[in-house]
Amino acid sequence: MEDPREERRNEILRALVELHIKTGEPVSSKSVLEATNLHVSPATVRAELAALEREGYAQQPHTSAGRVPTSRAYRYYVDHLRPGKLRTPTQARIETFYASIHHELGRLLQATTDLLSDMTRYPAVAVSPGPSGETVKSLHLVQVADTTALTVVVTDSGRIVQELTRLPKQLTAHEIEMTEQVLARAVVGKELLTDPVSLAGDPELAPAVTEAADAVAAAIARTGDRSADIYVGGATQMATVWDNISTVHRVLEVLEAEAKLLDILAGERGTHVQIGDELPIGADLDVAVVSTSYESHAGDGRVGVIGPVRMDYKRVIRAVEGVGRELGERIGE
């Protein structure tokens, strides 16, 4: 059974965090007392806030001001949040969105980030599963120059992958058509592999077709070895999220660096919240990331939101999880 004093301190810490999220201002002991059901004196609340400050959960900007929570306080608050559900109108909005949208994977993920950003008022990101392991649904070959062809692969997830291929020699329109047919028979209905399919030695194929088909097959293999794609929505909202222009520039740098974003969003299945210096992007940055995984038959991806440390974690976590759940069901159809 939790110690009554410990329970009281936890309630004060929760109130401190939630009041600061709501107002953005230092929180007074009077405000904390009014926001809780604690039957204690204002002096007791002041003493508990002072203790929280000594333990690194709060800080006082000025001697006469109230207190604000630290990253450590937000970490404790997030770790002790009770599971919650989205409000019915919000859940209905997400379900209606995915029921009405019919895009290939890339456009679907971009639309998802726009939806999530609109719901939370923060920049949103989505990471697709890597293409390796998806099944090839169709293949098309388009000659764009004398010795260059565009290979277009459509997978069962709706992903469209395009790869420019240098052909060994110039082909006629008939040879391009034959190359496409040969490759389609070899790869359609099979997993997108990282090892190229070799068609060398087939006596029924003209040498020019065989050489072109092997070149295109190698290009297809490169698409299977490609890393996940990243989509960003709501970047224009950054100026309203952060007052500090240097923070806006740092966040923009992160959004533009795919490797950093993948590093931030990498992780096991489930929901993760990273706060302040827990992020691999430098200390003392007013940034927090809430992300969750979504499942598809091709693998796992992630969706998330990038916002300030003083974000409404209850609302954002529920929104991210709701979108991730519906996105996984939409892709898995």
C-alpha atoms as a PDB file:
ATOM      1  CA  MET A   1       0.000   0.000   0.000  1.00  0.00           C
ATOM      2  CA  GLU A   2       1.366   3.413  -0.977  1.00  0.00           C
ATOM      3  CA  ASP A   3       2.526   5.668   1.829  1.00  0.00           C
ATOM      4  CA  PRO A   4      -0.020   8.529   2.338  1.00  0.00           C
ATOM      5  CA  ARG A   5       2.690  11.163   2.176  1.00  0.00           C
ATOM      6  CA  GLU A   6       4.109   9.649  -1.021  1.00  0.00           C
ATOM      7  CA  GLU A   7       0.610   9.549  -2.495  1.00  0.00           C
ATOM      8  CA  ARG A   8       0.127  13.206  -1.582  1.00  0.00           C
ATOM      9  CA  ARG A   9       3.416  14.213  -3.179  1.00  0.00           C
ATOM     10  CA  ASN A  10       2.538  12.320  -6.355  1.00  0.00           C
ATOM     11  CA  GLU A  11      -0.815  14.114  -6.532  1.00  0.00           C
ATOM     12  CA  ILE A  12       0.922  17.461  -6.128  1.00  0.00           C
ATOM     13  CA  LEU A  13       3.423  16.575  -8.844  1.00  0.00           C
ATOM     14  CA  ARG A  14       0.602  15.529 -11.204  1.00  0.00           C
ATOM     15  CA  ALA A  15      -1.214  18.804 -10.565  1.00  0.00           C
ATOM     16  CA  LEU A  16       1.975  20.803 -11.103  1.00  0.00           C
ATOM     17  CA  VAL A  17       2.555  19.183 -14.501  1.00  0.00           C
ATOM     18  CA  GLU A  18      -1.043  19.429 -15.697  1.00  0.00           C
ATOM     19  CA  LEU A  19      -1.433  23.058 -14.616  1.00  0.00           C
ATOM     20  CA  HIS A  20       1.793  24.034 -16.355  1.00  0.00           C
ATOM     21  CA  ILE A  21       0.703  22.198 -19.522  1.00  0.00           C
ATOM     22  CA  LYS A  22      -2.554  24.122 -19.421  1.00  0.00           C
ATOM     23  CA  THR A  23      -1.229  27.606 -18.664  1.00  0.00           C
ATOM     24  CA  GLY A  24       2.445  27.651 -19.592  1.00  0.00           C
ATOM     25  CA  GLU A  25       3.044  29.766 -16.494  1.00  0.00           C
ATOM     26  CA  PRO A  26       4.785  29.030 -13.167  1.00  0.00           C
ATOM     27  CA  VAL A  27       2.357  27.263 -10.867  1.00  0.00           C
ATOM     28  CA  SER A  28       1.607  28.579  -7.379  1.00  0.00           C
ATOM     29  CA  SER A  29       0.968  26.434  -4.329  1.00  0.00           C
ATOM     30  CA  LYS A  30      -2.534  27.927  -4.171  1.00  0.00           C
ATOM     31  CA  SER A  31      -3.299  26.730  -7.702  1.00  0.00           C
ATOM     32  CA  VAL A  32      -2.015  23.242  -6.870  1.00  0.00           C
ATOM     33  CA  LEU A  33      -4.185  23.077  -3.764  1.00  0.00           C
ATOM     34  CA  GLU A  34      -7.273  24.182  -5.731  1.00  0.00           C
ATOM     35  CA  ALA A  35      -6.607  21.570  -8.422  1.00  0.00           C
ATOM     36  CA  THR A  36      -6.385  18.654  -6.003  1.00  0.00           C
ATOM     37  CA  ASN A  37      -8.671  17.035  -3.481  1.00  0.00           C
ATOM     38  CA  LEU A  38      -6.038  17.184  -0.787  1.00  0.00           C
ATOM     39  CA  HIS A  39      -7.212  18.313   2.628  1.00  0.00           C
ATOM     40  CA  VAL A  40      -3.987  19.981   3.684  1.00  0.00           C
ATOM     41  CA  SER A  41      -2.853  23.523   4.350  1.00  0.00           C
ATOM     42  CA  PRO A  42      -1.178  25.804   1.782  1.00  0.00           C
ATOM     43  CA  ALA A  43       1.969  25.583   3.880  1.00  0.00           C
ATOM     44  CA  THR A  44       2.033  21.806   3.444  1.00  0.00           C
ATOM     45  CA  VAL A  45       1.747  22.187  -0.332  1.00  0.00           C
ATOM     46  CA  ARG A  46       4.560  24.747  -0.343  1.00  0.00           C
ATOM     47  CA  ALA A  47       6.739  22.376   1.655  1.00  0.00           C
ATOM     48  CA  GLU A  48       6.037  19.512  -0.765  1.00  0.00           C
ATOM     49  CA  LEU A  49       6.809  21.697  -3.777  1.00  0.00           C
ATOM     50  CA  ALA A  50      10.079  22.713  -2.158  1.00  0.00           C
ATOM     51  CA  ALA A  51      10.892  19.038  -1.630  1.00  0.00           C
ATOM     52  CA  LEU A  52      10.104  18.291  -5.285  1.00  0.00           C
ATOM     53  CA  GLU A  53      12.431  21.116  -6.276  1.00  0.00           C
ATOM     54  CA  ARG A  54      15.273  19.661  -4.173  1.00  0.00           C
ATOM     55  CA  GLU A  55      14.718  16.277  -5.828  1.00  0.00           C
ATOM     56  CA  GLY A  56      14.910  17.713  -9.345  1.00  0.00           C
ATOM     57  CA  TYR A  57      11.207  17.540 -10.265  1.00  0.00           C
ATOM     58  CA  ALA A  58      10.526  21.285 -10.187  1.00  0.00           C
ATOM     59  CA  GLN A  59      12.304  24.570 -10.524  1.00  0.00           C
ATOM     60  CA  GLN A  60      11.510  28.139  -9.580  1.00  0.00           C
ATOM     61  CA  PRO A  61      12.264  30.722 -12.330  1.00  0.00           C
ATOM     62  CA  HIS A  62      12.251  33.572  -9.819  1.00  0.00           C
ATOM     63  CA  THR A  63      12.259  33.730  -6.052  1.00  0.00           C
ATOM     64  CA  SER A  64       8.728  35.103  -5.831  1.00  0.00           C
ATOM     65  CA  ALA A  65       7.336  33.030  -8.714  1.00  0.00           C
ATOM     66  CA  GLY A  66       5.632  29.684  -8.656  1.00  0.00           C
ATOM     67  CA  ARG A  67       7.315  26.526  -9.905  1.00  0.00           C
ATOM     68  CA  VAL A  68       7.525  24.758 -13.246  1.00  0.00           C
ATOM     69  CA  PRO A  69       8.067  21.032 -13.798  1.00  0.00           C
ATOM     70  CA  THR A  70      11.383  19.734 -15.121  1.00  0.00           C
ATOM     71  CA  SER A  71      11.898  17.032 -17.751  1.00  0.00           C
ATOM     72  CA  ARG A  72      12.228  14.586 -14.874  1.00  0.00           C
ATOM     73  CA  ALA A  73       8.756  15.563 -13.665  1.00  0.00           C
ATOM     74  CA  TYR A  74       7.293  15.044 -17.144  1.00  0.00           C
ATOM     75  CA  ARG A  75       9.011  11.657 -17.318  1.00  0.00           C
ATOM     76  CA  TYR A  76       7.423  10.602 -14.038  1.00  0.00           C
ATOM     77  CA  TYR A  77       4.059  11.973 -15.127  1.00  0.00           C
ATOM     78  CA  VAL A  78       4.089  10.076 -18.453  1.00  0.00           C
ATOM     79  CA  ASP A  79       5.229   6.843 -16.798  1.00  0.00           C
ATOM     80  CA  HIS A  80       2.274   6.997 -14.400  1.00  0.00           C
ATOM     81  CA  LEU A  81      -0.449   8.019 -16.848  1.00  0.00           C
ATOM     82  CA  ARG A  82      -3.504   5.837 -16.718  1.00  0.00           C
ATOM     83  CA  PRO A  83      -4.629   4.309 -20.036  1.00  0.00           C
ATOM     84  CA  GLY A  84      -7.344   6.370 -21.661  1.00  0.00           C
ATOM     85  CA  LYS A  85      -9.639   6.349 -24.655  1.00  0.00           C
ATOM     86  CA  LEU A  86     -10.150   8.879 -27.399  1.00  0.00           C
ATOM     87  CA  ARG A  87     -13.268  10.963 -27.240  1.00  0.00           C
ATOM     88  CA  THR A  88     -16.015   9.506 -29.430  1.00  0.00           C
ATOM     89  CA  PRO A  89     -15.975  12.376 -32.003  1.00  0.00           C
ATOM     90  CA  THR A  90     -12.195  12.079 -32.380  1.00  0.00           C
ATOM     91  CA  GLN A  91     -12.345   8.314 -32.820  1.00  0.00           C
ATOM     92  CA  ALA A  92     -15.125   8.739 -35.368  1.00  0.00           C
ATOM     93  CA  ARG A  93     -13.033  11.299 -37.260  1.00  0.00           C
ATOM     94  CA  ILE A  94     -10.093   8.876 -37.544  1.00  0.00           C
ATOM     95  CA  GLU A  95     -12.307   5.980 -38.642  1.00  0.00           C
ATOM     96  CA  THR A  96     -14.068   8.137 -41.242  1.00  0.00           C
ATOM     97  CA  PHE A  97     -10.730   9.358 -42.583  1.00  0.00           C
ATOM     98  CA  TYR A  98      -9.379   5.854 -43.200  1.00  0.00           C
ATOM     99  CA  ALA A  99     -12.687   4.561 -44.525  1.00  0.00           C
ATOM    100  CA  SER A 100     -12.818   7.311 -47.146  1.00  0.00           C
ATOM    101  CA  ILE A 101      -9.197   7.517 -48.277  1.00  0.00           C
ATOM    102  CA  HIS A 102      -7.930   5.262 -51.047  1.00  0.00           C
ATOM    103  CA  HIS A 103      -4.276   6.027 -51.781  1.00  0.00           C
ATOM    104  CA  GLU A 104      -1.150   4.025 -52.417  1.00  0.00           C
ATOM    105  CA  LEU A 105       1.076   3.651 -49.359  1.00  0.00           C
ATOM    106  CA  GLY A 106       3.200   6.777 -49.783  1.00  0.00           C
ATOM    107  CA  ARG A 107       0.254   9.125 -50.233  1.00  0.00           C
ATOM    108  CA  LEU A 108      -1.614   7.360 -47.430  1.00  0.00           C
ATOM    109  CA  LEU A 109       1.250   7.932 -44.991  1.00  0.00           C
ATOM    110  CA  GLN A 110       1.581  11.577 -46.051  1.00  0.00           C
ATOM    111  CA  ALA A 111      -2.143  12.069 -45.522  1.00  0.00           C
ATOM    112  CA  THR A 112      -1.778  10.365 -42.126  1.00  0.00           C
ATOM    113  CA  THR A 113       0.826  12.885 -40.987  1.00  0.00           C
ATOM    114  CA  ASP A 114      -1.431  15.734 -42.101  1.00  0.00           C
ATOM    115  CA  LEU A 115      -4.326  14.240 -40.126  1.00  0.00           C
ATOM    116  CA  LEU A 116      -2.243  13.690 -36.992  1.00  0.00           C
ATOM    117  CA  SER A 117      -0.729  17.157 -37.164  1.00  0.00           C
ATOM    118  CA  ASP A 118      -4.170  18.707 -37.565  1.00  0.00           C
ATOM    119  CA  MET A 119      -5.442  16.753 -34.552  1.00  0.00           C
ATOM    120  CA  THR A 120      -2.547  17.599 -32.239  1.00  0.00           C
ATOM    121  CA  ARG A 121      -1.349  20.962 -33.665  1.00  0.00           C
ATOM    122  CA  TYR A 122       2.205  19.621 -33.714  1.00  0.00           C
ATOM    123  CA  PRO A 123       4.452  18.392 -36.545  1.00  0.00           C
ATOM    124  CA  ALA A 124       3.814  14.712 -37.269  1.00  0.00           C
ATOM    125  CA  VAL A 125       5.930  12.009 -38.871  1.00  0.00           C
ATOM    126  CA  ALA A 126       5.311   8.558 -40.322  1.00  0.00           C
ATOM    127  CA  VAL A 127       7.836   5.870 -41.179  1.00  0.00           C
ATOM    128  CA  SER A 128       6.878   3.178 -43.651  1.00  0.00           C
ATOM    129  CA  PRO A 129       7.913  -0.453 -43.291  1.00  0.00           C
ATOM    130  CA  GLY A 130      10.927  -1.229 -45.470  1.00  0.00           C
ATOM    131  CA  PRO A 131       9.921  -2.648 -48.872  1.00  0.00           C
ATOM    132  CA  SER A 132      11.860  -5.891 -48.457  1.00  0.00           C
ATOM    133  CA  GLY A 133       9.467  -8.802 -47.996  1.00  0.00           C
ATOM    134  CA  GLU A 134       6.489  -7.191 -49.733  1.00  0.00           C
ATOM    135  CA  THR A 135       4.966  -9.091 -52.642  1.00  0.00           C
ATOM    136  CA  VAL A 136       5.293  -7.669 -56.139  1.00  0.00           C
ATOM    137  CA  LYS A 137       1.848  -6.979 -57.560  1.00  0.00           C
ATOM    138  CA  SER A 138       2.883  -5.563 -60.936  1.00  0.00           C
ATOM    139  CA  LEU A 139       5.927  -4.375 -62.831  1.00  0.00           C
ATOM    140  CA  HIS A 140       6.211  -1.842 -65.632  1.00  0.00           C
ATOM    141  CA  LEU A 141       9.163  -0.787 -67.756  1.00  0.00           C
ATOM    142  CA  VAL A 142       9.227   2.580 -69.515  1.00  0.00           C
ATOM    143  CA  GLN A 143      12.054   3.650 -71.818  1.00  0.00           C
ATOM    144  CA  VAL A 144      12.949   7.268 -71.012  1.00  0.00           C
ATOM    145  CA  ALA A 145      16.146   7.579 -73.100  1.00  0.00           C
ATOM    146  CA  ASP A 146      18.128   5.497 -75.569  1.00  0.00           C
ATOM    147  CA  THR A 147      19.770   3.377 -72.889  1.00  0.00           C
ATOM    148  CA  THR A 148      17.764   4.318 -69.784  1.00  0.00           C
ATOM    149  CA  ALA A 149      14.536   2.767 -68.547  1.00  0.00           C
ATOM    150  CA  LEU A 150      12.278   3.560 -65.590  1.00  0.00           C
ATOM    151  CA  THR A 151      11.302   0.483 -63.615  1.00  0.00           C
ATOM    152  CA  VAL A 152       8.016   0.871 -61.711  1.00  0.00           C
ATOM    153  CA  VAL A 153       7.206  -1.797 -59.128  1.00  0.00           C
ATOM    154  CA  VAL A 154       3.848  -1.893 -57.331  1.00  0.00           C
ATOM    155  CA  THR A 155       3.675  -4.064 -54.207  1.00  0.00           C
ATOM    156  CA  ASP A 156       0.717  -5.632 -52.450  1.00  0.00           C
ATOM    157  CA  SER A 157       0.810  -2.917 -49.775  1.00  0.00           C
ATOM    158  CA  GLY A 158       0.166  -0.267 -52.422  1.00  0.00           C
ATOM    159  CA  ARG A 159       3.760   0.958 -52.372  1.00  0.00           C
ATOM    160  CA  ILE A 160       5.054   2.308 -55.675  1.00  0.00           C
ATOM    161  CA  VAL A 161       8.816   2.030 -56.077  1.00  0.00           C
ATOM    162  CA  GLN A 162      10.583   3.620 -59.045  1.00  0.00           C
ATOM    163  CA  GLU A 163      14.160   3.002 -60.130  1.00  0.00           C
ATOM    164  CA  LEU A 164      16.066   4.363 -63.116  1.00  0.00           C
ATOM    165  CA  THR A 165      18.069   1.631 -64.830  1.00  0.00           C
ATOM    166  CA  ARG A 166      20.971   1.978 -67.246  1.00  0.00           C
ATOM    167  CA  LEU A 167      20.473  -0.586 -70.021  1.00  0.00           C
ATOM    168  CA  PRO A 168      23.480  -2.344 -71.623  1.00  0.00           C
ATOM    169  CA  LYS A 169      22.377  -1.167 -75.066  1.00  0.00           C
ATOM    170  CA  GLN A 170      19.563   0.623 -76.854  1.00  0.00           C
ATOM    171  CA  LEU A 171      16.462  -1.565 -77.254  1.00  0.00           C
ATOM    172  CA  THR A 172      13.588  -1.442 -79.675  1.00  0.00           C
ATOM    173  CA  ALA A 173      10.051  -0.910 -78.413  1.00  0.00           C
ATOM    174  CA  HIS A 174       9.391  -4.625 -78.971  1.00  0.00           C
ATOM    175  CA  GLU A 175      12.469  -5.604 -76.935  1.00  0.00           C
ATOM    176  CA  ILE A 176      11.395  -3.304 -74.091  1.00  0.00           C
ATOM    177  CA  GLU A 177       7.977  -4.968 -74.121  1.00  0.00           C
ATOM    178  CA  MET A 178       9.558  -8.433 -74.117  1.00  0.00           C
ATOM    179  CA  THR A 179      11.863  -7.475 -71.238  1.00  0.00           C
ATOM    180  CA  GLU A 180       8.895  -6.266 -69.201  1.00  0.00           C
ATOM    181  CA  GLN A 181       6.950  -9.475 -69.858  1.00  0.00           C
ATOM    182  CA  VAL A 182       9.906 -11.689 -68.955  1.00  0.00           C
ATOM    183  CA  LEU A 183      10.532  -9.826 -65.697  1.00  0.00           C
ATOM    184  CA  ALA A 184       6.843  -9.779 -64.782  1.00  0.00           C
ATOM    185  CA  ARG A 185       6.693 -13.576 -65.102  1.00  0.00           C
ATOM    186  CA  ALA A 186       9.800 -13.863 -62.914  1.00  0.00           C
ATOM    187  CA  VAL A 187       8.887 -11.518 -60.051  1.00  0.00           C
ATOM    188  CA  VAL A 188       5.114 -10.827 -59.910  1.00  0.00           C
ATOM    189  CA  GLY A 189       3.523 -12.734 -57.061  1.00  0.00           C
ATOM    190  CA  LYS A 190       6.855 -13.171 -55.291  1.00  0.00           C
ATOM    191  CA  GLU A 191       8.489 -11.283 -52.446  1.00  0.00           C
ATOM    192  CA  LEU A 192      10.558  -8.231 -53.272  1.00  0.00           C
ATOM    193  CA  LEU A 193      14.005  -9.697 -52.780  1.00  0.00           C
ATOM    194  CA  THR A 194      17.373  -8.087 -52.165  1.00  0.00           C
ATOM    195  CA  ASP A 195      19.094 -10.640 -54.429  1.00  0.00           C
ATOM    196  CA  PRO A 196      18.487 -10.081 -58.164  1.00  0.00           C
ATOM    197  CA  VAL A 197      16.762 -12.711 -60.254  1.00  0.00           C
ATOM    198  CA  SER A 198      19.131 -13.937 -62.983  1.00  0.00           C
ATOM    199  CA  LEU A 199      17.708 -14.753 -66.416  1.00  0.00           C
ATOM    200  CA  ALA A 200      21.030 -15.494 -68.053  1.00  0.00           C
ATOM    201  CA  GLY A 201      21.204 -18.719 -70.029  1.00  0.00           C
ATOM    202  CA  ASP A 202      17.553 -18.810 -71.143  1.00  0.00           C
ATOM    203  CA  PRO A 203      17.862 -19.994 -74.776  1.00  0.00           C
ATOM    204  CA  GLU A 204      14.423 -18.651 -75.677  1.00  0.00           C
ATOM    205  CA  LEU A 205      15.426 -15.046 -74.983  1.00  0.00           C
ATOM    206  CA  ALA A 206      17.336 -12.761 -77.302  1.00  0.00           C
ATOM    207  CA  PRO A 207      20.685 -11.733 -75.790  1.00  0.00           C
ATOM    208  CA  ALA A 208      19.647  -8.059 -75.739  1.00  0.00           C
ATOM    209  CA  VAL A 209      16.506  -8.926 -73.756  1.00  0.00           C
ATOM    210  CA  THR A 210      18.426 -11.146 -71.336  1.00  0.00           C
ATOM    211  CA  GLU A 211      21.025  -8.460 -70.629  1.00  0.00           C
ATOM    212  CA  ALA A 212      18.364  -5.782 -70.147  1.00  0.00           C
ATOM    213  CA  ALA A 213      16.280  -8.038 -67.912  1.00  0.00           C
ATOM    214  CA  ASP A 214      19.281  -8.800 -65.689  1.00  0.00           C
ATOM    215  CA  ALA A 215      20.056  -5.068 -65.390  1.00  0.00           C
ATOM    216  CA  VAL A 216      16.469  -4.278 -64.416  1.00  0.00           C
ATOM    217  CA  ALA A 217      16.358  -7.238 -62.003  1.00  0.00           C
ATOM    218  CA  ALA A 218      19.392  -5.787 -60.222  1.00  0.00           C
ATOM    219  CA  ALA A 219      17.566  -2.453 -59.963  1.00  0.00           C
ATOM    220  CA  ILE A 220      14.541  -4.203 -58.454  1.00  0.00           C
ATOM    221  CA  ALA A 221      16.822  -5.843 -55.893  1.00  0.00           C
ATOM    222  CA  ARG A 222      18.124  -2.408 -54.902  1.00  0.00           C
ATOM    223  CA  THR A 223      14.569  -1.308 -54.127  1.00  0.00           C
ATOM    224  CA  GLY A 224      14.174  -4.305 -51.820  1.00  0.00           C
ATOM    225  CA  ASP A 225      17.280  -3.239 -49.929  1.00  0.00           C
ATOM    226  CA  ARG A 226      16.065   0.329 -49.553  1.00  0.00           C
ATOM    227  CA  SER A 227      15.452   1.710 -46.072  1.00  0.00           C
ATOM    228  CA  ALA A 228      12.075   2.898 -44.849  1.00  0.00           C
ATOM    229  CA  ASP A 229      10.531   6.070 -46.253  1.00  0.00           C
ATOM    230  CA  ILE A 230       9.751   9.046 -44.002  1.00  0.00           C
ATOM    231  CA  TYR A 231       6.819  11.437 -44.321  1.00  0.00           C
ATOM    232  CA  VAL A 232       6.389  14.717 -42.443  1.00  0.00           C
ATOM    233  CA  GLY A 233       3.260  16.799 -41.968  1.00  0.00           C
ATOM    234  CA  GLY A 234       2.555  20.071 -40.221  1.00  0.00           C
ATOM    235  CA  ALA A 235       6.076  21.485 -40.294  1.00  0.00           C
ATOM    236  CA  THR A 236       4.580  24.939 -40.877  1.00  0.00           C
ATOM    237  CA  GLN A 237       3.127  24.821 -37.357  1.00  0.00           C
ATOM    238  CA  MET A 238       6.549  24.946 -35.703  1.00  0.00           C
ATOM    239  CA  ALA A 239       6.557  28.723 -35.359  1.00  0.00           C
ATOM    240  CA  THR A 240       3.380  28.548 -33.282  1.00  0.00           C
ATOM    241  CA  VAL A 241       4.652  25.633 -31.173  1.00  0.00           C
ATOM    242  CA  TRP A 242       8.018  27.098 -30.133  1.00  0.00           C
ATOM    243  CA  ASP A 243       8.669  30.756 -29.338  1.00  0.00           C
ATOM    244  CA  ASN A 244      12.435  30.239 -29.467  1.00  0.00           C
ATOM    245  CA  ILE A 245      13.536  30.576 -33.098  1.00  0.00           C
ATOM    246  CA  SER A 246      16.727  28.584 -32.472  1.00  0.00           C
ATOM    247  CA  THR A 247      14.596  25.641 -31.306  1.00  0.00           C
ATOM    248  CA  VAL A 248      12.511  25.917 -34.480  1.00  0.00           C
ATOM    249  CA  HIS A 249      15.697  25.755 -36.563  1.00  0.00           C
ATOM    250  CA  ARG A 250      16.993  22.732 -34.618  1.00  0.00           C
ATOM    251  CA  VAL A 251      13.706  20.869 -35.017  1.00  0.00           C
ATOM    252  CA  LEU A 252      13.633  21.717 -38.716  1.00  0.00           C
ATOM    253  CA  GLU A 253      17.129  20.274 -39.067  1.00  0.00           C
ATOM    254  CA  VAL A 254      15.924  17.055 -37.451  1.00  0.00           C
ATOM    255  CA  LEU A 255      12.887  16.844 -39.730  1.00  0.00           C
ATOM    256  CA  GLU A 256      15.117  17.293 -42.769  1.00  0.00           C
ATOM    257  CA  ALA A 257      17.651  14.657 -41.678  1.00  0.00           C
ATOM    258  CA  GLU A 258      16.180  11.229 -42.371  1.00  0.00           C
ATOM    259  CA  ALA A 259      18.903   9.393 -40.453  1.00  0.00           C
ATOM    260  CA  LYS A 260      18.184  11.412 -37.291  1.00  0.00           C
ATOM    261  CA  LEU A 261      14.451  10.852 -37.588  1.00  0.00           C
ATOM    262  CA  LEU A 262      14.914   7.111 -38.080  1.00  0.00           C
ATOM    263  CA  ASP A 263      17.208   7.043 -35.050  1.00  0.00           C
ATOM    264  CA  ILE A 264      14.604   8.860 -32.948  1.00  0.00           C
ATOM    265  CA  LEU A 265      11.686   6.719 -34.096  1.00  0.00           C
ATOM    266  CA  ALA A 266      13.487   3.379 -34.053  1.00  0.00           C
ATOM    267  CA  GLY A 267      12.390   1.024 -31.345  1.00  0.00           C
ATOM    268  CA  GLU A 268      10.372  -1.967 -30.378  1.00  0.00           C
ATOM    269  CA  ARG A 269       6.643  -2.265 -30.901  1.00  0.00           C
ATOM    270  CA  GLY A 270       4.351  -0.135 -28.818  1.00  0.00           C
ATOM    271  CA  THR A 271       4.168   3.466 -27.714  1.00  0.00           C
ATOM    272  CA  HIS A 272       7.274   5.382 -26.699  1.00  0.00           C
ATOM    273  CA  VAL A 273       7.631   8.868 -25.222  1.00  0.00           C
ATOM    274  CA  GLN A 274      11.024  10.572 -25.366  1.00  0.00           C
ATOM    275  CA  ILE A 275      11.485  13.805 -23.431  1.00  0.00           C
ATOM    276  CA  GLY A 276      14.199  16.429 -23.628  1.00  0.00           C
ATOM    277  CA  ASP A 277      17.707  15.044 -23.225  1.00  0.00           C
ATOM    278  CA  GLU A 278      16.426  11.483 -23.712  1.00  0.00           C
ATOM    279  CA  LEU A 279      16.422  12.298 -27.434  1.00  0.00           C
ATOM    280  CA  PRO A 280      19.630  11.756 -29.452  1.00  0.00           C
ATOM    281  CA  ILE A 281      19.623  15.330 -30.773  1.00  0.00           C
ATOM    282  CA  GLY A 282      21.448  17.287 -28.100  1.00  0.00           C
ATOM    283  CA  ALA A 283      20.771  18.339 -24.538  1.00  0.00           C
ATOM    284  CA  ASP A 284      18.656  21.240 -23.290  1.00  0.00           C
ATOM    285  CA  LEU A 285      16.321  21.225 -26.283  1.00  0.00           C
ATOM    286  CA  ASP A 286      12.631  21.843 -25.633  1.00  0.00           C
ATOM    287  CA  VAL A 287      11.473  18.827 -27.617  1.00  0.00           C
ATOM    288  CA  ALA A 288       9.503  15.676 -26.864  1.00  0.00           C
ATOM    289  CA  VAL A 289       8.441  12.873 -29.211  1.00  0.00           C
ATOM    290  CA  VAL A 290       5.434  10.580 -28.852  1.00  0.00           C
ATOM    291  CA  SER A 291       5.382   7.658 -31.289  1.00  0.00           C
ATOM    292  CA  THR A 292       3.752   4.283 -31.707  1.00  0.00           C
ATOM    293  CA  SER A 293       4.148   1.332 -34.035  1.00  0.00           C
ATOM    294  CA  TYR A 294       1.624   0.094 -36.551  1.00  0.00           C
ATOM    295  CA  GLU A 295       1.609  -3.365 -38.041  1.00  0.00           C
ATOM    296  CA  SER A 296       1.267  -4.437 -41.657  1.00  0.00           C
ATOM    297  CA  HIS A 297       1.855  -7.714 -43.437  1.00  0.00           C
ATOM    298  CA  ALA A 298       5.071  -6.197 -44.835  1.00  0.00           C
ATOM    299  CA  GLY A 299       6.463  -5.275 -41.412  1.00  0.00           C
ATOM    300  CA  ASP A 300       6.159  -2.599 -38.773  1.00  0.00           C
ATOM    301  CA  GLY A 301       6.213   1.166 -39.266  1.00  0.00           C
ATOM    302  CA  ARG A 302       5.818   4.059 -36.843  1.00  0.00           C
ATOM    303  CA  VAL A 303       3.834   7.253 -36.567  1.00  0.00           C
ATOM    304  CA  GLY A 304       4.492  10.035 -34.125  1.00  0.00           C
ATOM    305  CA  VAL A 305       4.344  13.655 -33.101  1.00  0.00           C
ATOM    306  CA  ILE A 306       7.173  16.094 -32.336  1.00  0.00           C
ATOM    307  CA  GLY A 307       6.296  18.832 -29.880  1.00  0.00           C
ATOM    308  CA  PRO A 308       7.526  20.791 -26.874  1.00  0.00           C
ATOM    309  CA  VAL A 309       8.258  19.180 -23.535  1.00  0.00           C
ATOM    310  CA  ARG A 310       5.153  20.986 -22.255  1.00  0.00           C
ATOM    311  CA  MET A 311       2.779  19.058 -24.530  1.00  0.00           C
ATOM    312  CA  ASP A 312      -0.560  17.601 -23.487  1.00  0.00           C
ATOM    313  CA  TYR A 313       0.673  14.019 -23.226  1.00  0.00           C
ATOM    314  CA  LYS A 314      -2.725  12.533 -22.422  1.00  0.00           C
ATOM    315  CA  ARG A 315      -4.297  13.939 -25.572  1.00  0.00           C
ATOM    316  CA  VAL A 316      -1.297  13.370 -27.835  1.00  0.00           C
ATOM    317  CA  ILE A 317      -0.690   9.760 -26.766  1.00  0.00           C
ATOM    318  CA  ARG A 318      -4.337   8.877 -27.362  1.00  0.00           C
ATOM    319  CA  ALA A 319      -4.303  10.571 -30.785  1.00  0.00           C
ATOM    320  CA  VAL A 320      -1.077   8.871 -31.869  1.00  0.00           C
ATOM    321  CA  GLU A 321      -2.244   5.453 -30.699  1.00  0.00           C
ATOM    322  CA  GLY A 322      -5.666   5.889 -32.317  1.00  0.00           C
ATOM    323  CA  VAL A 323      -4.159   6.865 -35.662  1.00  0.00           C
ATOM    324  CA  GLY A 324      -1.567   4.092 -35.486  1.00  0.00           C
ATOM    325  CA  ARG A 325      -4.218   1.486 -34.771  1.00  0.00           C
ATOM    326  CA  GLU A 326      -6.487   2.556 -37.639  1.00  0.00           C
ATOM    327  CA  LEU A 327      -3.555   2.933 -40.034  1.00  0.00           C
ATOM    328  CA  GLY A 328      -2.434  -0.621 -39.323  1.00  0.00           C
ATOM    329  CA  GLU A 329      -5.940  -1.924 -39.969  1.00  0.00           C
ATOM    330  CA  ARG A 330      -6.206   0.087 -43.193  1.00  0.00           C
ATOM    331  CA  ILE A 331      -2.888  -1.224 -44.556  1.00  0.00           C
ATOM    332  CA  GLY A 332      -3.682  -4.760 -43.456  1.00  0.00           C
ATOM    333  CA  GLU A 333      -6.943  -4.914 -45.416  1.00  0.00           C
END
